[in-house]
C-alpha atoms as a PDB file:
ATOM      1  CA  MET A   1      87.543 -69.242  30.717  1.00  0.00           C
ATOM      2  CA  ALA A   2      86.717 -72.872  30.075  1.00  0.00           C
ATOM      3  CA  GLU A   3      88.920 -75.511  31.667  1.00  0.00           C
ATOM      4  CA  LYS A   4      91.132 -77.414  29.205  1.00  0.00           C
ATOM      5  CA  ARG A   5      90.042 -81.033  28.868  1.00  0.00           C
ATOM      6  CA  GLN A   6      92.550 -83.852  29.272  1.00  0.00           C
ATOM      7  CA  PRO A   7      92.700 -86.369  26.402  1.00  0.00           C
ATOM      8  CA  VAL A   8      91.199 -89.744  27.298  1.00  0.00           C
ATOM      9  CA  ARG A   9      92.589 -93.054  26.024  1.00  0.00           C
ATOM     10  CA  THR A  10      91.546 -96.695  26.469  1.00  0.00           C
ATOM     11  CA  CYS A  11      93.788 -99.395  27.940  1.00  0.00           C
ATOM     12  CA  VAL A  12      94.197-102.240  25.415  1.00  0.00           C
ATOM     13  CA  ALA A  13      94.143-104.850  28.197  1.00  0.00           C
ATOM     14  CA  CYS A  14      91.248-103.889  30.493  1.00  0.00           C
ATOM     15  CA  ARG A  15      89.379-101.565  28.060  1.00  0.00           C
ATOM     16  CA  GLU A  16      88.928 -98.893  30.767  1.00  0.00           C
ATOM     17  CA  GLU A  17      89.311 -95.216  29.925  1.00  0.00           C
ATOM     18  CA  PHE A  18      91.982 -93.110  31.639  1.00  0.00           C
ATOM     19  CA  ASP A  19      93.582 -89.706  31.183  1.00  0.00           C
ATOM     20  CA  LYS A  20      96.333 -89.992  28.596  1.00  0.00           C
ATOM     21  CA  LYS A  21      99.006 -88.933  31.110  1.00  0.00           C
ATOM     22  CA  ASP A  22      98.123 -91.875  33.383  1.00  0.00           C
ATOM     23  CA  LEU A  23      98.870 -94.515  30.720  1.00  0.00           C
ATOM     24  CA  LEU A  24     102.001 -95.995  29.190  1.00  0.00           C
ATOM     25  CA  ARG A  25     102.194 -95.562  25.401  1.00  0.00           C
ATOM     26  CA  ILE A  26     103.650 -98.249  23.173  1.00  0.00           C
ATOM     27  CA  VAL A  27     104.392 -97.122  19.619  1.00  0.00           C
ATOM     28  CA  LYS A  28     105.065 -98.853  16.296  1.00  0.00           C
ATOM     29  CA  ASP A  29     107.094 -96.684  13.916  1.00  0.00           C
ATOM     30  CA  LYS A  30     107.107 -96.776  10.102  1.00  0.00           C
ATOM     31  CA  GLU A  31     109.867 -99.406  10.061  1.00  0.00           C
ATOM     32  CA  GLY A  32     107.796-101.708  12.279  1.00  0.00           C
ATOM     33  CA  ASN A  33     109.892-101.237  15.433  1.00  0.00           C
ATOM     34  CA  ILE A  34     107.950-101.430  18.698  1.00  0.00           C
ATOM     35  CA  SER A  35     109.095 -99.264  21.598  1.00  0.00           C
ATOM     36  CA  ILE A  36     107.904 -97.668  24.827  1.00  0.00           C
ATOM     37  CA  ASP A  37     107.161 -93.982  24.326  1.00  0.00           C
ATOM     38  CA  THR A  38     107.819 -92.128  27.580  1.00  0.00           C
ATOM     39  CA  THR A  39     107.186 -88.698  26.025  1.00  0.00           C
ATOM     40  CA  GLY A  40     103.826 -89.576  24.475  1.00  0.00           C
ATOM     41  CA  LYS A  41     104.802 -87.714  21.309  1.00  0.00           C
ATOM     42  CA  ALA A  42     106.756 -90.233  19.216  1.00  0.00           C
ATOM     43  CA  ASN A  43     105.671 -90.684  15.601  1.00  0.00           C
ATOM     44  CA  GLY A  44     103.797 -93.848  14.740  1.00  0.00           C
ATOM     45  CA  ARG A  45     100.786 -95.922  15.707  1.00  0.00           C
ATOM     46  CA  GLY A  46     100.214 -95.882  19.449  1.00  0.00           C
ATOM     47  CA  ALA A  47      98.592 -98.244  21.914  1.00  0.00           C
ATOM     48  CA  TYR A  48      98.021 -97.484  25.575  1.00  0.00           C
ATOM     49  CA  ILE A  49      98.151 -99.637  28.689  1.00  0.00           C
ATOM     50  CA  CYS A  50      97.290 -98.664  32.249  1.00  0.00           C
ATOM     51  CA  LYS A  51      99.797 -99.131  35.035  1.00  0.00           C
ATOM     52  CA  LYS A  52      98.070-102.027  36.792  1.00  0.00           C
ATOM     53  CA  ALA A  53     100.089-105.227  37.248  1.00  0.00           C
ATOM     54  CA  GLU A  54      97.180-107.422  36.136  1.00  0.00           C
ATOM     55  CA  CYS A  55      96.922-105.488  32.854  1.00  0.00           C
ATOM     56  CA  ALA A  56     100.620-106.053  32.178  1.00  0.00           C
ATOM     57  CA  LYS A  57     100.142-109.789  32.707  1.00  0.00           C
ATOM     58  CA  LYS A  58      96.970-109.835  30.589  1.00  0.00           C
ATOM     59  CA  LEU A  59      98.720-107.928  27.777  1.00  0.00           C
ATOM     60  CA  LYS A  60     101.561-110.452  27.726  1.00  0.00           C
ATOM     61  CA  LYS A  61      99.362-113.554  27.994  1.00  0.00           C
ATOM     62  CA  ALA A  62      96.808-112.566  25.336  1.00  0.00           C
ATOM     63  CA  LYS A  63      99.381-110.827  23.078  1.00  0.00           C
ATOM     64  CA  PHE A  64      97.102-107.825  22.571  1.00  0.00           C
ATOM     65  CA  LEU A  65      99.825-105.832  20.806  1.00  0.00           C
ATOM     66  CA  ASP A  66      99.942-108.431  18.025  1.00  0.00           C
ATOM     67  CA  ARG A  67      96.314-107.607  17.249  1.00  0.00           C
ATOM     68  CA  VAL A  68      96.619-103.847  17.709  1.00  0.00           C
ATOM     69  CA  PHE A  69      99.669-103.478  15.458  1.00  0.00           C
ATOM     70  CA  SER A  70      98.817-106.370  13.070  1.00  0.00           C
ATOM     71  CA  ILE A  71     102.304-107.848  13.382  1.00  0.00           C
ATOM     72  CA  GLN A  72     103.955-110.465  15.569  1.00  0.00           C
ATOM     73  CA  VAL A  73     105.493-108.568  18.470  1.00  0.00           C
ATOM     74  CA  PRO A  74     108.634-110.198  19.938  1.00  0.00           C
ATOM     75  CA  GLN A  75     108.415-111.608  23.463  1.00  0.00           C
ATOM     76  CA  GLU A  76     111.233-109.244  24.557  1.00  0.00           C
ATOM     77  CA  VAL A  77     108.921-106.265  23.938  1.00  0.00           C
ATOM     78  CA  TYR A  78     106.239-107.745  26.197  1.00  0.00           C
ATOM     79  CA  ASP A  79     108.890-108.441  28.848  1.00  0.00           C
ATOM     80  CA  ALA A  80     110.191-104.846  28.648  1.00  0.00           C
ATOM     81  CA  ILE A  81     106.664-103.436  28.985  1.00  0.00           C
ATOM     82  CA  GLU A  82     105.900-105.644  31.970  1.00  0.00           C
ATOM     83  CA  GLU A  83     109.203-104.676  33.599  1.00  0.00           C
ATOM     84  CA  GLU A  84     108.505-100.962  32.986  1.00  0.00           C
ATOM     85  CA  LEU A  85     105.006-101.167  34.483  1.00  0.00           C
ATOM     86  CA  LEU A  86     106.028-103.218  37.515  1.00  0.00           C
ATOM     87  CA  ALA A  87     108.989-100.899  38.231  1.00  0.00           C
ATOM     88  CA  LYS A  88     106.635 -97.911  38.513  1.00  0.00           C
ATOM     89  CA  GLN A  89     104.527 -99.476  41.258  1.00  0.00           C
END
């Protein structure tokens, strides 16, 4: 039997490809709320970031989520993402 392939996603900060399970998913729901999706299955538009500290800093500095989701993302969301990524290292 053929081996099941893992889905591959691209980090919005460094543009490198990783297995989906190795990335943190940030999701924007229909109401426009931005949250961290730990399950990877929440409804809405998703963006992925790898778990490197420099990518967390780059994401916050360049405000990549503003471009990805086409809205102004509050600074608290960037802070929560950075805190989540740095806590896992």
